[in-house]
Amino acid sequence: MFKKRLISAVLLLVTAGLFAQQAFVDKPVAIVRLTRTDVISQRKLAQSVMFYEQQTGRTLNLDEKQEVLQTLINQMLVLQAAERDGVSVTEQQVLQMGMGQMMQQLQRQITEAQYRQIIEEQSGTDFETYQNSIKEQILLEQYVSEKKRDFIRTTSMPTDDEIETFYMQNEDKFINPEMVRLSHIFFNTRGIDAAAKAEIKKNADAVYQQIVSGEATFAAMVREHSDDKETIVRDGDLGTYIDRSDQNIAVFGRDFLNTVFRMNVGQVSEVLESSQGYHIVKLDDRQSKRFLEIDDPVSPVETVTVRQYIGNVITYQKQQMAFQQAAAQVVQELMDDADIQYFTENIE
């Protein structure tokens, strides 16, 4: 299990590289020379070991500490080679990468100011040092990707047999749920008091009566009354199919969706309420739940087929494996040209 964590010769987690700028005032555990001399001190190794111990929840033995040391050596070799070969990244790339990683962890959008504040308050280091570690991460990945581009590309291409085997092993998972497509006349009630909301409901009921009595068409009432400006140009069409997923329940409400899914195509609903306001809904189309064949679109609104989707999944998986192999090749080539001295007796 531990070796799997270190299978990539160069992809160190960001936190493990946060201490690179500390002075080497203690004994060396390794000296790395490719284009310059870099020293890995006891302190630097201990800090990286501590990080991995926190991740694994246990104390690393001597062999595992030596693996951590080798990973640090690999990182230094690639960074020296990247500098030698003119591989560089911009500050904007570093910022985008760091913010992207942070938003993925937080599961929400953040501003640059919020990103800086989080780093300074929670990372245990200053913003400049943290950003430098992100820069090193990008350089490591970019150098390997550039040096082994052809290998990674050719190794990552899925075969037809791989795609079809994946489909057969997972065909019960390729299902389109029951979905409906609808148009609506929307009456916004967000941020208003009860009296104003009651007045809007009264107006919505009057609009509904005009439609069902034949005095006005649904499309005409959309253009005249709907508060959803984006859908007015499409006569109220939401532009996509919806299902009964948790996400749609959160947007529309369970009662709203239950009513819509009981409607017939072409039917116009009475005034329905969601968390956003009131709606008069026209059901435009219905797609029944069904299993997907390998060349079917993954959904009624997608052009990507199941075959293409599986190909993308397999490509991504193979790219990860190919990158690991490419990284190992790059490191081995650099080690052949480098002078590395080990002081394993100083590993504590």
Foldseek 3Di string as FASTA:
>chain_A
DLCVVLLFLAQDDLLLQLCQPDDAPAAFQKWWFQPHIDTHHLVSLVSSQVVVCVVVVHHDDLVSSVSSVSSVNLLVLLVVVLVVVVPFDDLVVLLVVQQVVVCVVVVHHDDSVVSQVCCCVPSPDHPVSSSVSSRSNVSLLVSLCVVCVVLLVVQLFDDPVVLVVVCVVCQVVLKDAKKFWKFKAFDFDPPDDPVVQVVSLVVLQVLVVCPVVVVDHLLVCSCVGGPPVVCNVVSRTPLDIDDPDPVVCQFFNPVRVVVLVVDDAQDWDGWDAGPGGIITMHTHDIDHMDGFDQQDCSDPNGPQGNSNVSSVVSSVVSSVVSSSVSSVVVSVVSVVSMDMDGDSVNHD
